[in-house]
Each structure stands twice: as structure tokens, then as C-alpha cells.
C-alpha atoms as a PDB file:
ATOM      1  CA  MET A   1       8.389  -2.758  10.497  1.00  0.00           C
ATOM      2  CA  LYS A   2       9.883   0.110   8.534  1.00  0.00           C
ATOM      3  CA  ASN A   3       9.642   3.672   9.770  1.00  0.00           C
ATOM      4  CA  GLN A   4       7.543   5.743   7.408  1.00  0.00           C
ATOM      5  CA  TYR A   5       8.241   9.373   6.602  1.00  0.00           C
ATOM      6  CA  VAL A   6       6.472  11.900   4.395  1.00  0.00           C
ATOM      7  CA  ILE A   7       8.712  14.648   3.064  1.00  0.00           C
ATOM      8  CA  ASP A   8       7.393  18.094   2.289  1.00  0.00           C
ATOM      9  CA  THR A   9       8.067  19.874  -0.987  1.00  0.00           C
ATOM     10  CA  HIS A  10      11.048  21.816   0.331  1.00  0.00           C
ATOM     11  CA  ILE A  11      12.826  18.711   1.619  1.00  0.00           C
ATOM     12  CA  PHE A  12      12.171  16.936  -1.686  1.00  0.00           C
ATOM     13  CA  LEU A  13      13.664  19.796  -3.698  1.00  0.00           C
ATOM     14  CA  TRP A  14      16.735  19.835  -1.462  1.00  0.00           C
ATOM     15  CA  LEU A  15      17.110  16.051  -1.823  1.00  0.00           C
ATOM     16  CA  VAL A  16      17.069  16.447  -5.595  1.00  0.00           C
ATOM     17  CA  PHE A  17      19.093  19.628  -6.054  1.00  0.00           C
ATOM     18  CA  ASN A  18      21.083  20.278  -2.885  1.00  0.00           C
ATOM     19  CA  PRO A  19      21.074  17.360  -0.410  1.00  0.00           C
ATOM     20  CA  ASN A  20      23.880  18.880   1.661  1.00  0.00           C
ATOM     21  CA  LYS A  21      21.432  21.545   2.884  1.00  0.00           C
ATOM     22  CA  ILE A  22      19.572  18.824   4.796  1.00  0.00           C
ATOM     23  CA  ASN A  23      20.722  18.086   8.322  1.00  0.00           C
ATOM     24  CA  ALA A  24      22.984  14.986   8.232  1.00  0.00           C
ATOM     25  CA  LYS A  25      20.822  13.101  10.768  1.00  0.00           C
ATOM     26  CA  ILE A  26      17.660  13.667   8.723  1.00  0.00           C
ATOM     27  CA  ARG A  27      19.448  12.840   5.472  1.00  0.00           C
ATOM     28  CA  CYS A  28      20.582   9.513   6.996  1.00  0.00           C
ATOM     29  CA  LEU A  29      16.981   8.738   8.007  1.00  0.00           C
ATOM     30  CA  LEU A  30      15.756   9.422   4.486  1.00  0.00           C
ATOM     31  CA  GLU A  31      18.553   7.461   2.813  1.00  0.00           C
ATOM     32  CA  ASP A  32      18.224   4.448   5.138  1.00  0.00           C
ATOM     33  CA  LYS A  33      16.789   1.586   3.047  1.00  0.00           C
ATOM     34  CA  ASN A  34      15.086   0.280   6.215  1.00  0.00           C
ATOM     35  CA  ASN A  35      12.817   3.335   6.148  1.00  0.00           C
ATOM     36  CA  LYS A  36       9.995   4.116   3.740  1.00  0.00           C
ATOM     37  CA  VAL A  37       9.903   7.659   2.318  1.00  0.00           C
ATOM     38  CA  PHE A  38       6.824   9.197   0.717  1.00  0.00           C
ATOM     39  CA  ILE A  39       5.881  12.419  -1.005  1.00  0.00           C
ATOM     40  CA  CYS A  40       2.307  13.598  -1.589  1.00  0.00           C
ATOM     41  CA  ASN A  41       1.180  14.070  -5.179  1.00  0.00           C
ATOM     42  CA  THR A  42       0.120  17.593  -4.218  1.00  0.00           C
ATOM     43  CA  SER A  43       3.808  18.540  -3.904  1.00  0.00           C
ATOM     44  CA  PHE A  44       4.176  18.124  -7.661  1.00  0.00           C
ATOM     45  CA  TRP A  45       1.162  20.366  -8.199  1.00  0.00           C
ATOM     46  CA  GLU A  46       2.742  22.996  -5.921  1.00  0.00           C
ATOM     47  CA  ILE A  47       6.062  22.765  -7.780  1.00  0.00           C
ATOM     48  CA  SER A  48       4.336  23.058 -11.152  1.00  0.00           C
ATOM     49  CA  ILE A  49       2.380  26.146 -10.086  1.00  0.00           C
ATOM     50  CA  LYS A  50       5.416  27.898  -8.591  1.00  0.00           C
ATOM     51  CA  TYR A  51       7.535  27.015 -11.632  1.00  0.00           C
ATOM     52  CA  ASN A  52       4.867  28.406 -13.976  1.00  0.00           C
ATOM     53  CA  LEU A  53       4.695  31.631 -11.961  1.00  0.00           C
ATOM     54  CA  GLY A  54       8.474  32.022 -12.155  1.00  0.00           C
ATOM     55  CA  LYS A  55       8.884  31.589  -8.395  1.00  0.00           C
ATOM     56  CA  LEU A  56      10.922  28.385  -8.654  1.00  0.00           C
ATOM     57  CA  ASP A  57      14.085  27.556 -10.584  1.00  0.00           C
ATOM     58  CA  LEU A  58      14.602  23.839 -11.172  1.00  0.00           C
ATOM     59  CA  ASN A  59      18.103  24.054 -12.652  1.00  0.00           C
ATOM     60  CA  GLY A  60      16.978  23.022 -16.140  1.00  0.00           C
ATOM     61  CA  VAL A  61      14.721  20.207 -14.938  1.00  0.00           C
ATOM     62  CA  SER A  62      11.080  20.285 -15.981  1.00  0.00           C
ATOM     63  CA  PRO A  63       8.394  19.830 -13.299  1.00  0.00           C
ATOM     64  CA  LYS A  64       7.049  16.857 -15.295  1.00  0.00           C
ATOM     65  CA  GLU A  65      10.370  15.028 -14.717  1.00  0.00           C
ATOM     66  CA  LEU A  66      10.194  15.243 -10.918  1.00  0.00           C
ATOM     67  CA  PRO A  67       7.804  12.334 -10.236  1.00  0.00           C
ATOM     68  CA  ASP A  68      10.140   9.980 -12.134  1.00  0.00           C
ATOM     69  CA  ILE A  69      13.124  11.412 -10.268  1.00  0.00           C
ATOM     70  CA  ALA A  70      11.329  10.763  -6.958  1.00  0.00           C
ATOM     71  CA  ILE A  71      10.600   7.163  -7.932  1.00  0.00           C
ATOM     72  CA  LYS A  72      14.224   6.592  -9.018  1.00  0.00           C
ATOM     73  CA  MET A  73      15.314   7.924  -5.620  1.00  0.00           C
ATOM     74  CA  GLY A  74      13.102   5.327  -3.917  1.00  0.00           C
ATOM     75  CA  ILE A  75      10.484   7.855  -2.825  1.00  0.00           C
ATOM     76  CA  GLU A  76       6.941   6.565  -3.125  1.00  0.00           C
ATOM     77  CA  ILE A  77       4.287   8.978  -4.357  1.00  0.00           C
ATOM     78  CA  ILE A  78       1.133   8.899  -2.272  1.00  0.00           C
ATOM     79  CA  GLN A  79      -2.181  10.116  -3.572  1.00  0.00           C
ATOM     80  CA  VAL A  80      -4.180  12.671  -1.657  1.00  0.00           C
ATOM     81  CA  ASN A  81      -7.620  11.243  -2.356  1.00  0.00           C
ATOM     82  CA  HIS A  82     -11.182  12.498  -2.039  1.00  0.00           C
ATOM     83  CA  ASP A  83     -11.476  11.378   1.620  1.00  0.00           C
ATOM     84  CA  ILE A  84      -8.584  13.606   2.634  1.00  0.00           C
ATOM     85  CA  MET A  85      -9.818  16.501   0.518  1.00  0.00           C
ATOM     86  CA  ALA A  86     -13.400  16.248   1.795  1.00  0.00           C
ATOM     87  CA  ASN A  87     -12.293  16.065   5.434  1.00  0.00           C
ATOM     88  CA  PHE A  88      -9.492  18.633   5.187  1.00  0.00           C
ATOM     89  CA  TYR A  89     -11.747  21.317   6.705  1.00  0.00           C
ATOM     90  CA  GLN A  90     -11.291  19.558  10.074  1.00  0.00           C
ATOM     91  CA  LEU A  91      -7.665  20.664  10.365  1.00  0.00           C
ATOM     92  CA  PRO A  92      -7.723  23.573  12.818  1.00  0.00           C
ATOM     93  CA  LYS A  93      -6.379  26.865  11.567  1.00  0.00           C
ATOM     94  CA  VAL A  94      -3.029  28.034  12.852  1.00  0.00           C
ATOM     95  CA  GLU A  95      -2.260  31.732  13.017  1.00  0.00           C
ATOM     96  CA  LYS A  96       0.241  32.905  10.384  1.00  0.00           C
ATOM     97  CA  HIS A  97       0.069  29.653   8.412  1.00  0.00           C
ATOM     98  CA  LYS A  98      -2.395  29.504   5.563  1.00  0.00           C
ATOM     99  CA  ASP A  99      -0.431  27.680   2.833  1.00  0.00           C
ATOM    100  CA  PRO A 100      -2.939  25.147   1.451  1.00  0.00           C
ATOM    101  CA  PHE A 101      -0.204  22.885   0.034  1.00  0.00           C
ATOM    102  CA  ASP A 102       1.477  22.594   3.430  1.00  0.00           C
ATOM    103  CA  ARG A 103      -1.815  22.162   5.236  1.00  0.00           C
ATOM    104  CA  ILE A 104      -3.034  19.299   3.031  1.00  0.00           C
ATOM    105  CA  VAL A 105       0.227  17.395   3.596  1.00  0.00           C
ATOM    106  CA  ILE A 106      -0.033  18.079   7.328  1.00  0.00           C
ATOM    107  CA  TYR A 107      -3.610  16.825   7.397  1.00  0.00           C
ATOM    108  CA  TYR A 108      -2.663  13.736   5.388  1.00  0.00           C
ATOM    109  CA  CYS A 109       0.057  12.898   7.920  1.00  0.00           C
ATOM    110  CA  ILE A 110      -2.223  13.430  10.903  1.00  0.00           C
ATOM    111  CA  TYR A 111      -5.031  11.386   9.312  1.00  0.00           C
ATOM    112  CA  HIS A 112      -2.726   8.467   8.438  1.00  0.00           C
ATOM    113  CA  LYS A 113      -0.506   8.799  11.523  1.00  0.00           C
ATOM    114  CA  LEU A 114       2.647   9.308   9.463  1.00  0.00           C
ATOM    115  CA  THR A 115       5.703  11.344  10.422  1.00  0.00           C
ATOM    116  CA  LEU A 116       6.293  14.515   8.410  1.00  0.00           C
ATOM    117  CA  VAL A 117       9.826  15.685   7.638  1.00  0.00           C
ATOM    118  CA  SER A 118      10.078  19.450   7.213  1.00  0.00           C
ATOM    119  CA  ILE A 119      12.267  22.399   8.110  1.00  0.00           C
ATOM    120  CA  ASP A 120       9.281  24.747   8.353  1.00  0.00           C
ATOM    121  CA  ASP A 121       8.977  26.069  11.923  1.00  0.00           C
ATOM    122  CA  LYS A 122       5.294  26.857  11.373  1.00  0.00           C
ATOM    123  CA  PHE A 123       4.566  23.123  11.292  1.00  0.00           C
ATOM    124  CA  ASN A 124       5.390  22.835  15.009  1.00  0.00           C
ATOM    125  CA  GLU A 125       2.015  24.381  15.825  1.00  0.00           C
ATOM    126  CA  TYR A 126       0.256  21.333  14.379  1.00  0.00           C
ATOM    127  CA  GLN A 127       1.841  18.892  16.812  1.00  0.00           C
ATOM    128  CA  LYS A 128      -0.880  19.713  19.336  1.00  0.00           C
ATOM    129  CA  PHE A 129      -3.371  18.391  16.757  1.00  0.00           C
ATOM    130  CA  GLY A 130      -1.543  15.078  16.364  1.00  0.00           C
ATOM    131  CA  LEU A 131       1.183  15.807  13.828  1.00  0.00           C
ATOM    132  CA  ASN A 132       4.329  13.708  14.222  1.00  0.00           C
ATOM    133  CA  LEU A 133       7.127  15.947  12.999  1.00  0.00           C
ATOM    134  CA  ILE A 134      10.851  15.713  12.427  1.00  0.00           C
END
């Protein structure tokens, strides 16, 4: 059985624009064809919002191109559906971490027992609630 990993928005953007910023061990995991790599559809929403607000430079790439880029890279896009959204309130709050985009991906991973790949130290606090994190 393949290992399954969900990447957060930051990791995805590094994979696309600056893969050398990713730790070599993690990059090997994500590039290993024996592993399955996913990204939540909400990451594209986050990117689009931040791009529109001028908070994100995509080096001449349009946000609408990123889902196709992900697919070409072998990253499967998973849909955050109504079950996840309706039950999202169950994710306990963590002090100093209120980002709804991060929290929905975290909840998705906990709910589906998937491993999340992120460099965000704030995510460590969710391990006590069942988050598998690299």
C-alpha cells in the first residue's frame, strides 16, 4: 500500500516555484512514485485570495493554472466536501492559530487519517488531536 501525504499550500508553492527550499528527505518522500501526494482544493482558494489581495507573487503564473500544474506533477486534488465543512467545528481551537485555510486542511487530515506535510510549527499543536504530521 502506498503512503499517502497531503501537502499544505506552502509546501505546494515551494514544490512549484522553489523545490530546493524543501528539506531533501521530505522532497524525496513527495517525489517517490510509490507514495501518493494530495492537495486540498481549498489551497487553490487560499492562493487565489492571497494573489488577488497582492499578498502572493506567483512569478507570472496565474492562480487558475495551478490545479493543472499540480496534476502534471502527479499531485491529486482532493475535495473538501460538505461533511468536512459541516463537522469542522469539532476541531479544537489552538492558541495563536486561527488560519481557517490551515485548520480545514488539518481537520481533513485528522478526519481521513492522512499525514500532513507542512513546515508550519503551529501545526504541531494538533498532533494531540490526532494529526499525523511530517
